């Protein structure tokens, strides 16, 4: 049984930058909504829309990553099958 090791190509500083920018964008949006001069119902609606867009972004990123990983895995399987087939052929 082989184990699949996930190859992470992002550096720690890139990961930290992504986390910091996410937190800052959420804080900025909360501040912007709180300073809008609109009634509370409209502010809640804008907030819910913002939360929905964040969750949609996470879902899209996960789907893209999963598709990429599955294509990479299938490529490895196909390469292994080809290698096995070629090694069994007489020269």
PDB file of N, CA and C in Angstrom:
ATOM      1  N   UNK A   1       0.843  -1.168   0.000  1.00  0.00           N
ATOM      2  CA  UNK A   1       0.000   0.000   0.000  1.00  0.00           C
ATOM      3  C   UNK A   1       0.893   1.239   0.000  1.00  0.00           C
ATOM      4  N   UNK A   2       0.691   2.110  -0.945  1.00  0.00           N
ATOM      5  CA  UNK A   2       1.516   3.315  -1.015  1.00  0.00           C
ATOM      6  C   UNK A   2       0.781   4.486  -0.382  1.00  0.00           C
ATOM      7  N   UNK A   3       1.566   5.393   0.147  1.00  0.00           N
ATOM      8  CA  UNK A   3       0.985   6.595   0.732  1.00  0.00           C
ATOM      9  C   UNK A   3       1.192   7.753  -0.217  1.00  0.00           C
ATOM     10  N   UNK A   4       0.209   8.616  -0.283  1.00  0.00           N
ATOM     11  CA  UNK A   4       0.272   9.779  -1.158  1.00  0.00           C
ATOM     12  C   UNK A   4       0.687  10.974  -0.319  1.00  0.00           C
ATOM     13  N   UNK A   5       1.789  11.587  -0.673  1.00  0.00           N
ATOM     14  CA  UNK A   5       2.291  12.752   0.054  1.00  0.00           C
ATOM     15  C   UNK A   5       1.922  13.994  -0.736  1.00  0.00           C
ATOM     16  N   UNK A   6       1.255  14.932  -0.064  1.00  0.00           N
ATOM     17  CA  UNK A   6       0.860  16.174  -0.718  1.00  0.00           C
ATOM     18  C   UNK A   6       2.076  17.086  -0.818  1.00  0.00           C
ATOM     19  N   UNK A   7       2.382  17.503  -2.020  1.00  0.00           N
ATOM     20  CA  UNK A   7       3.524  18.373  -2.250  1.00  0.00           C
ATOM     21  C   UNK A   7       3.061  19.823  -2.188  1.00  0.00           C
ATOM     22  N   UNK A   8       3.463  20.526  -1.152  1.00  0.00           N
ATOM     23  CA  UNK A   8       3.061  21.912  -0.964  1.00  0.00           C
ATOM     24  C   UNK A   8       4.138  22.815  -1.555  1.00  0.00           C
ATOM     25  N   UNK A   9       3.771  23.635  -2.513  1.00  0.00           N
ATOM     26  CA  UNK A   9       4.748  24.496  -3.158  1.00  0.00           C
ATOM     27  C   UNK A   9       4.707  25.927  -2.626  1.00  0.00           C
ATOM     28  N   UNK A  10       3.861  26.199  -1.649  1.00  0.00           N
ATOM     29  CA  UNK A  10       3.766  27.545  -1.090  1.00  0.00           C
ATOM     30  C   UNK A  10       4.725  27.683   0.089  1.00  0.00           C
ATOM     31  N   UNK A  11       5.344  28.853   0.189  1.00  0.00           N
ATOM     32  CA  UNK A  11       6.227  29.101   1.323  1.00  0.00           C
ATOM     33  C   UNK A  11       5.395  29.511   2.536  1.00  0.00           C
ATOM     34  N   UNK A  12       6.034  29.457   3.699  1.00  0.00           N
ATOM     35  CA  UNK A  12       5.334  29.838   4.929  1.00  0.00           C
ATOM     36  C   UNK A  12       4.966  31.321   4.907  1.00  0.00           C
ATOM     37  N   UNK A  13       5.834  32.151   4.341  1.00  0.00           N
ATOM     38  CA  UNK A  13       5.530  33.586   4.291  1.00  0.00           C
ATOM     39  C   UNK A  13       4.344  33.864   3.363  1.00  0.00           C
ATOM     40  N   UNK A  14       4.221  33.114   2.259  1.00  0.00           N
ATOM     41  CA  UNK A  14       3.066  33.285   1.378  1.00  0.00           C
ATOM     42  C   UNK A  14       1.781  32.882   2.098  1.00  0.00           C
ATOM     43  N   UNK A  15       1.836  31.788   2.847  1.00  0.00           N
ATOM     44  CA  UNK A  15       0.669  31.341   3.616  1.00  0.00           C
ATOM     45  C   UNK A  15       0.279  32.404   4.647  1.00  0.00           C
ATOM     46  N   UNK A  16       1.280  32.941   5.365  1.00  0.00           N
ATOM     47  CA  UNK A  16       1.006  33.981   6.360  1.00  0.00           C
ATOM     48  C   UNK A  16       0.414  35.230   5.718  1.00  0.00           C
ATOM     49  N   UNK A  17       0.953  35.620   4.564  1.00  0.00           N
ATOM     50  CA  UNK A  17       0.433  36.788   3.862  1.00  0.00           C
ATOM     51  C   UNK A  17      -1.033  36.576   3.463  1.00  0.00           C
ATOM     52  N   UNK A  18      -1.364  35.372   3.007  1.00  0.00           N
ATOM     53  CA  UNK A  18      -2.745  35.081   2.624  1.00  0.00           C
ATOM     54  C   UNK A  18      -3.675  35.148   3.833  1.00  0.00           C
ATOM     55  N   UNK A  19      -3.233  34.613   4.956  1.00  0.00           N
ATOM     56  CA  UNK A  19      -4.063  34.659   6.170  1.00  0.00           C
ATOM     57  C   UNK A  19      -4.253  36.090   6.653  1.00  0.00           C
ATOM     58  N   UNK A  20      -3.176  36.859   6.665  1.00  0.00           N
ATOM     59  CA  UNK A  20      -3.257  38.247   7.131  1.00  0.00           C
ATOM     60  C   UNK A  20      -4.159  39.077   6.220  1.00  0.00           C
ATOM     61  N   UNK A  21      -4.028  38.894   4.910  1.00  0.00           N
ATOM     62  CA  UNK A  21      -4.866  39.668   3.990  1.00  0.00           C
ATOM     63  C   UNK A  21      -6.335  39.273   4.119  1.00  0.00           C
ATOM     64  N   UNK A  22      -6.608  38.002   4.384  1.00  0.00           N
ATOM     65  CA  UNK A  22      -7.994  37.572   4.588  1.00  0.00           C
ATOM     66  C   UNK A  22      -8.581  38.227   5.833  1.00  0.00           C
ATOM     67  N   UNK A  23      -7.842  38.194   6.925  1.00  0.00           N
ATOM     68  CA  UNK A  23      -8.326  38.792   8.171  1.00  0.00           C
ATOM     69  C   UNK A  23      -8.530  40.297   8.002  1.00  0.00           C
ATOM     70  N   UNK A  24      -7.584  40.955   7.356  1.00  0.00           N
ATOM     71  CA  UNK A  24      -7.724  42.400   7.139  1.00  0.00           C
ATOM     72  C   UNK A  24      -8.921  42.742   6.261  1.00  0.00           C
ATOM     73  N   UNK A  25      -9.179  41.930   5.246  1.00  0.00           N
ATOM     74  CA  UNK A  25     -10.328  42.211   4.375  1.00  0.00           C
ATOM     75  C   UNK A  25     -11.646  42.017   5.120  1.00  0.00           C
ATOM     76  N   UNK A  26     -11.707  41.012   5.980  1.00  0.00           N
ATOM     77  CA  UNK A  26     -12.926  40.795   6.773  1.00  0.00           C
ATOM     78  C   UNK A  26     -13.133  41.961   7.745  1.00  0.00           C
ATOM     79  N   UNK A  27     -12.070  42.386   8.409  1.00  0.00           N
ATOM     80  CA  UNK A  27     -12.175  43.512   9.341  1.00  0.00           C
ATOM     81  C   UNK A  27     -12.578  44.789   8.601  1.00  0.00           C
ATOM     82  N   UNK A  28     -11.981  45.034   7.443  1.00  0.00           N
ATOM     83  CA  UNK A  28     -12.318  46.231   6.667  1.00  0.00           C
ATOM     84  C   UNK A  28     -13.784  46.209   6.234  1.00  0.00           C
ATOM     85  N   UNK A  29     -14.273  45.051   5.834  1.00  0.00           N
ATOM     86  CA  UNK A  29     -15.669  44.968   5.407  1.00  0.00           C
ATOM     87  C   UNK A  29     -16.614  45.173   6.588  1.00  0.00           C
ATOM     88  N   UNK A  30     -16.277  44.627   7.746  1.00  0.00           N
ATOM     89  CA  UNK A  30     -17.110  44.828   8.930  1.00  0.00           C
ATOM     90  C   UNK A  30     -17.146  46.314   9.300  1.00  0.00           C
ATOM     91  N   UNK A  31     -15.988  46.971   9.250  1.00  0.00           N
ATOM     92  CA  UNK A  31     -15.937  48.412   9.546  1.00  0.00           C
ATOM     93  C   UNK A  31     -16.755  49.209   8.516  1.00  0.00           C
ATOM     94  N   UNK A  32     -16.614  48.840   7.248  1.00  0.00           N
ATOM     95  CA  UNK A  32     -17.344  49.562   6.195  1.00  0.00           C
ATOM     96  C   UNK A  32     -18.849  49.420   6.378  1.00  0.00           C
ATOM     97  N   UNK A  33     -19.296  48.214   6.682  1.00  0.00           N
ATOM     98  CA  UNK A  33     -20.738  47.999   6.874  1.00  0.00           C
ATOM     99  C   UNK A  33     -21.228  48.762   8.109  1.00  0.00           C
ATOM    100  N   UNK A  34     -20.417  48.766   9.159  1.00  0.00           N
ATOM    101  CA  UNK A  34     -20.869  49.440  10.386  1.00  0.00           C
ATOM    102  C   UNK A  34     -20.936  50.963  10.216  1.00  0.00           C
ATOM    103  N   UNK A  35     -20.123  51.546   9.321  1.00  0.00           N
ATOM    104  CA  UNK A  35     -20.145  52.996   9.119  1.00  0.00           C
ATOM    105  C   UNK A  35     -21.110  53.441   8.024  1.00  0.00           C
ATOM    106  N   UNK A  36     -21.731  52.501   7.322  1.00  0.00           N
ATOM    107  CA  UNK A  36     -22.716  52.891   6.310  1.00  0.00           C
ATOM    108  C   UNK A  36     -23.934  53.510   6.988  1.00  0.00           C
ATOM    109  N   UNK A  37     -24.464  54.501   6.361  1.00  0.00           N
ATOM    110  CA  UNK A  37     -25.646  55.156   6.922  1.00  0.00           C
ATOM    111  C   UNK A  37     -26.912  54.561   6.304  1.00  0.00           C
ATOM    112  N   UNK A  38     -27.119  53.292   6.610  1.00  0.00           N
ATOM    113  CA  UNK A  38     -28.305  52.583   6.118  1.00  0.00           C
ATOM    114  C   UNK A  38     -28.972  51.915   7.317  1.00  0.00           C
ATOM    115  N   UNK A  39     -30.209  51.494   7.113  1.00  0.00           N
ATOM    116  CA  UNK A  39     -30.921  50.849   8.210  1.00  0.00           C
ATOM    117  C   UNK A  39     -30.308  49.476   8.493  1.00  0.00           C
ATOM    118  N   UNK A  40     -30.570  48.948   9.665  1.00  0.00           N
ATOM    119  CA  UNK A  40     -29.936  47.730  10.149  1.00  0.00           C
ATOM    120  C   UNK A  40     -30.257  46.525   9.267  1.00  0.00           C
ATOM    121  N   UNK A  41     -31.470  46.465   8.736  1.00  0.00           N
ATOM    122  CA  UNK A  41     -31.844  45.344   7.875  1.00  0.00           C
ATOM    123  C   UNK A  41     -30.994  45.288   6.613  1.00  0.00           C
ATOM    124  N   UNK A  42     -30.743  46.428   6.023  1.00  0.00           N
ATOM    125  CA  UNK A  42     -29.911  46.486   4.818  1.00  0.00           C
ATOM    126  C   UNK A  42     -28.454  46.129   5.146  1.00  0.00           C
ATOM    127  N   UNK A  43     -27.958  46.594   6.298  1.00  0.00           N
ATOM    128  CA  UNK A  43     -26.591  46.278   6.702  1.00  0.00           C
ATOM    129  C   UNK A  43     -26.425  44.770   6.938  1.00  0.00           C
ATOM    130  N   UNK A  44     -27.422  44.152   7.546  1.00  0.00           N
ATOM    131  CA  UNK A  44     -27.383  42.699   7.758  1.00  0.00           C
ATOM    132  C   UNK A  44     -27.396  41.970   6.411  1.00  0.00           C
ATOM    133  N   UNK A  45     -28.212  42.451   5.480  1.00  0.00           N
ATOM    134  CA  UNK A  45     -28.268  41.840   4.155  1.00  0.00           C
ATOM    135  C   UNK A  45     -26.908  41.915   3.459  1.00  0.00           C
ATOM    136  N   UNK A  46     -26.263  43.073   3.512  1.00  0.00           N
ATOM    137  CA  UNK A  46     -24.937  43.227   2.891  1.00  0.00           C
ATOM    138  C   UNK A  46     -23.935  42.305   3.587  1.00  0.00           C
ATOM    139  N   UNK A  47     -24.017  42.191   4.906  1.00  0.00           N
ATOM    140  CA  UNK A  47     -23.124  41.295   5.646  1.00  0.00           C
ATOM    141  C   UNK A  47     -23.316  39.844   5.276  1.00  0.00           C
ATOM    142  N   UNK A  48     -24.564  39.420   5.146  1.00  0.00           N
ATOM    143  CA  UNK A  48     -24.850  38.043   4.753  1.00  0.00           C
ATOM    144  C   UNK A  48     -24.336  37.775   3.334  1.00  0.00           C
ATOM    145  N   UNK A  49     -24.511  38.727   2.448  1.00  0.00           N
ATOM    146  CA  UNK A  49     -23.987  38.572   1.084  1.00  0.00           C
ATOM    147  C   UNK A  49     -22.471  38.449   1.087  1.00  0.00           C
ATOM    148  N   UNK A  50     -21.810  39.212   1.959  1.00  0.00           N
ATOM    149  CA  UNK A  50     -20.353  39.147   2.055  1.00  0.00           C
ATOM    150  C   UNK A  50     -19.906  37.781   2.577  1.00  0.00           C
ATOM    151  N   UNK A  51     -20.565  37.274   3.607  1.00  0.00           N
ATOM    152  CA  UNK A  51     -20.232  35.951   4.142  1.00  0.00           C
ATOM    153  C   UNK A  51     -20.466  34.880   3.084  1.00  0.00           C
ATOM    154  N   UNK A  52     -21.546  34.994   2.313  1.00  0.00           N
ATOM    155  CA  UNK A  52     -21.819  34.034   1.244  1.00  0.00           C
ATOM    156  C   UNK A  52     -20.731  34.071   0.176  1.00  0.00           C
ATOM    157  N   UNK A  53     -20.262  35.264  -0.162  1.00  0.00           N
ATOM    158  CA  UNK A  53     -19.208  35.355  -1.182  1.00  0.00           C
ATOM    159  C   UNK A  53     -17.895  34.767  -0.667  1.00  0.00           C
ATOM    160  N   UNK A  54     -17.597  34.933   0.612  1.00  0.00           N
ATOM    161  CA  UNK A  54     -16.395  34.319   1.183  1.00  0.00           C
ATOM    162  C   UNK A  54     -16.493  32.803   1.132  1.00  0.00           C
ATOM    163  N   UNK A  55     -17.631  32.256   1.541  1.00  0.00           N
ATOM    164  CA  UNK A  55     -17.780  30.791   1.518  1.00  0.00           C
ATOM    165  C   UNK A  55     -17.746  30.257   0.091  1.00  0.00           C
ATOM    166  N   UNK A  56     -18.269  31.010  -0.861  1.00  0.00           N
ATOM    167  CA  UNK A  56     -18.199  30.592  -2.262  1.00  0.00           C
ATOM    168  C   UNK A  56     -16.761  30.584  -2.764  1.00  0.00           C
ATOM    169  N   UNK A  57     -15.971  31.561  -2.348  1.00  0.00           N
ATOM    170  CA  UNK A  57     -14.555  31.597  -2.736  1.00  0.00           C
ATOM    171  C   UNK A  57     -13.804  30.392  -2.177  1.00  0.00           C
ATOM    172  N   UNK A  58     -14.052  30.044  -0.904  1.00  0.00           N
ATOM    173  CA  UNK A  58     -13.406  28.868  -0.324  1.00  0.00           C
ATOM    174  C   UNK A  58     -13.812  27.594  -1.057  1.00  0.00           C
ATOM    175  N   UNK A  59     -15.090  27.471  -1.376  1.00  0.00           N
ATOM    176  CA  UNK A  59     -15.564  26.292  -2.080  1.00  0.00           C
ATOM    177  C   UNK A  59     -14.947  26.190  -3.470  1.00  0.00           C
ATOM    178  N   UNK A  60     -14.897  27.295  -4.184  1.00  0.00           N
ATOM    179  CA  UNK A  60     -14.288  27.290  -5.510  1.00  0.00           C
ATOM    180  C   UNK A  60     -12.810  26.919  -5.438  1.00  0.00           C
ATOM    181  N   UNK A  61     -12.091  27.471  -4.481  1.00  0.00           N
ATOM    182  CA  UNK A  61     -10.673  27.144  -4.334  1.00  0.00           C
ATOM    183  C   UNK A  61     -10.481  25.665  -4.027  1.00  0.00           C
ATOM    184  N   UNK A  62     -11.341  25.088  -3.191  1.00  0.00           N
ATOM    185  CA  UNK A  62     -11.239  23.673  -2.866  1.00  0.00           C
ATOM    186  C   UNK A  62     -11.526  22.808  -4.077  1.00  0.00           C
ATOM    187  N   UNK A  63     -12.535  23.170  -4.854  1.00  0.00           N
ATOM    188  CA  UNK A  63     -12.877  22.391  -6.046  1.00  0.00           C
ATOM    189  C   UNK A  63     -11.741  22.428  -7.066  1.00  0.00           C
ATOM    190  N   UNK A  64     -11.146  23.597  -7.255  1.00  0.00           N
ATOM    191  CA  UNK A  64     -10.032  23.718  -8.198  1.00  0.00           C
ATOM    192  C   UNK A  64      -8.847  22.895  -7.715  1.00  0.00           C
ATOM    193  N   UNK A  65      -8.540  22.966  -6.412  1.00  0.00           N
ATOM    194  CA  UNK A  65      -7.430  22.189  -5.862  1.00  0.00           C
ATOM    195  C   UNK A  65      -7.685  20.685  -5.988  1.00  0.00           C
ATOM    196  N   UNK A  66      -8.914  20.253  -5.661  1.00  0.00           N
ATOM    197  CA  UNK A  66      -9.243  18.829  -5.764  1.00  0.00           C
ATOM    198  C   UNK A  66      -9.139  18.330  -7.202  1.00  0.00           C
ATOM    199  N   UNK A  67      -9.582  19.144  -8.153  1.00  0.00           N
ATOM    200  CA  UNK A  67      -9.496  18.749  -9.558  1.00  0.00           C
ATOM    201  C   UNK A  67      -8.031  18.616  -9.982  1.00  0.00           C
ATOM    202  N   UNK A  68      -7.211  19.568  -9.562  1.00  0.00           N
ATOM    203  CA  UNK A  68      -5.790  19.533  -9.900  1.00  0.00           C
ATOM    204  C   UNK A  68      -5.118  18.300  -9.302  1.00  0.00           C
ATOM    205  N   UNK A  69      -5.420  18.002  -8.027  1.00  0.00           N
ATOM    206  CA  UNK A  69      -4.821  16.837  -7.379  1.00  0.00           C
ATOM    207  C   UNK A  69      -5.273  15.536  -8.026  1.00  0.00           C
ATOM    208  N   UNK A  70      -6.543  15.446  -8.422  1.00  0.00           N
ATOM    209  CA  UNK A  70      -7.018  14.217  -9.052  1.00  0.00           C
ATOM    210  C   UNK A  70      -6.395  14.033 -10.430  1.00  0.00           C
ATOM    211  N   UNK A  71      -6.219  15.125 -11.180  1.00  0.00           N
ATOM    212  CA  UNK A  71      -5.564  15.021 -12.483  1.00  0.00           C
ATOM    213  C   UNK A  71      -4.108  14.601 -12.322  1.00  0.00           C
ATOM    214  N   UNK A  72      -3.444  15.139 -11.294  1.00  0.00           N
ATOM    215  CA  UNK A  72      -2.052  14.760 -11.045  1.00  0.00           C
ATOM    216  C   UNK A  72      -1.970  13.294 -10.649  1.00  0.00           C
ATOM    217  N   UNK A  73      -2.902  12.821  -9.820  1.00  0.00           N
ATOM    218  CA  UNK A  73      -2.917  11.426  -9.400  1.00  0.00           C
ATOM    219  C   UNK A  73      -3.190  10.508 -10.586  1.00  0.00           C
ATOM    220  N   UNK A  74      -4.186  10.857 -11.422  1.00  0.00           N
ATOM    221  CA  UNK A  74      -4.488  10.034 -12.595  1.00  0.00           C
ATOM    222  C   UNK A  74      -3.314   9.995 -13.556  1.00  0.00           C
ATOM    223  N   UNK A  75      -2.610  11.099 -13.675  1.00  0.00           N
ATOM    224  CA  UNK A  75      -1.425  11.135 -14.526  1.00  0.00           C
ATOM    225  C   UNK A  75      -0.356  10.178 -14.005  1.00  0.00           C
ATOM    226  N   UNK A  76      -0.173  10.129 -12.684  1.00  0.00           N
ATOM    227  CA  UNK A  76       0.799   9.204 -12.096  1.00  0.00           C
ATOM    228  C   UNK A  76       0.386   7.756 -12.341  1.00  0.00           C
ATOM    229  N   UNK A  77      -0.911   7.466 -12.227  1.00  0.00           N
ATOM    230  CA  UNK A  77      -1.403   6.110 -12.465  1.00  0.00           C
ATOM    231  C   UNK A  77      -1.170   5.715 -13.925  1.00  0.00           C
ATOM    232  N   UNK A  78      -1.495   6.607 -14.842  1.00  0.00           N
ATOM    233  CA  UNK A  78      -1.290   6.319 -16.261  1.00  0.00           C
ATOM    234  C   UNK A  78       0.193   6.109 -16.575  1.00  0.00           C
ATOM    235  N   UNK A  79       1.062   6.923 -15.986  1.00  0.00           N
ATOM    236  CA  UNK A  79       2.495   6.760 -16.206  1.00  0.00           C
ATOM    237  C   UNK A  79       2.984   5.430 -15.656  1.00  0.00           C
ATOM    238  N   UNK A  80       2.456   5.012 -14.493  1.00  0.00           N
ATOM    239  CA  UNK A  80       2.848   3.726 -13.922  1.00  0.00           C
ATOM    240  C   UNK A  80       2.386   2.573 -14.807  1.00  0.00           C
ATOM    241  N   UNK A  81       1.166   2.668 -15.351  1.00  0.00           N
ATOM    242  CA  UNK A  81       0.672   1.618 -16.247  1.00  0.00           C
ATOM    243  C   UNK A  81       1.527   1.534 -17.505  1.00  0.00           C
ATOM    244  N   UNK A  82       1.893   2.699 -18.036  1.00  0.00           N
ATOM    245  CA  UNK A  82       2.724   2.725 -19.242  1.00  0.00           C
ATOM    246  C   UNK A  82       4.098   2.132 -18.958  1.00  0.00           C
ATOM    247  N   UNK A  83       4.690   2.486 -17.816  1.00  0.00           N
ATOM    248  CA  UNK A  83       5.995   1.943 -17.440  1.00  0.00           C
ATOM    249  C   UNK A  83       5.925   0.428 -17.292  1.00  0.00           C
ATOM    250  N   UNK A  84       4.870  -0.077 -16.654  1.00  0.00           N
ATOM    251  CA  UNK A  84       4.718  -1.513 -16.470  1.00  0.00           C
ATOM    252  C   UNK A  84       4.556  -2.201 -17.820  1.00  0.00           C
ATOM    253  N   UNK A  85       3.740  -1.632 -18.683  1.00  0.00           N
ATOM    254  CA  UNK A  85       3.531  -2.233 -20.001  1.00  0.00           C
ATOM    255  C   UNK A  85       4.827  -2.275 -20.791  1.00  0.00           C
ATOM    256  N   UNK A  86       5.577  -1.186 -20.779  1.00  0.00           N
ATOM    257  CA  UNK A  86       6.839  -1.139 -21.525  1.00  0.00           C
ATOM    258  C   UNK A  86       7.884  -2.069 -20.938  1.00  0.00           C
ATOM    259  N   UNK A  87       7.884  -2.257 -19.631  1.00  0.00           N
ATOM    260  CA  UNK A  87       8.873  -3.145 -19.022  1.00  0.00           C
ATOM    261  C   UNK A  87       8.575  -4.610 -19.305  1.00  0.00           C
ATOM    262  N   UNK A  88       7.304  -4.950 -19.583  1.00  0.00           N
ATOM    263  CA  UNK A  88       6.935  -6.326 -19.879  1.00  0.00           C
ATOM    264  C   UNK A  88       7.167  -6.699 -21.338  1.00  0.00           C
ATOM    265  N   UNK A  89       7.367  -5.746 -22.200  1.00  0.00           N
ATOM    266  CA  UNK A  89       7.563  -5.991 -23.627  1.00  0.00           C
ATOM    267  C   UNK A  89       8.993  -6.461 -23.891  1.00  0.00           C
ATOM    268  N   UNK A  90       9.128  -7.502 -24.734  1.00  0.00           N
ATOM    269  CA  UNK A  90      10.497  -7.950 -25.080  1.00  0.00           C
ATOM    270  C   UNK A  90      11.167  -6.921 -25.985  1.00  0.00           C
ATOM    271  N   UNK A  91      12.438  -6.794 -25.810  1.00  0.00           N
ATOM    272  CA  UNK A  91      13.201  -5.810 -26.605  1.00  0.00           C
ATOM    273  C   UNK A  91      13.650  -6.410 -27.906  1.00  0.00           C
TER     274      UNK A  91
END
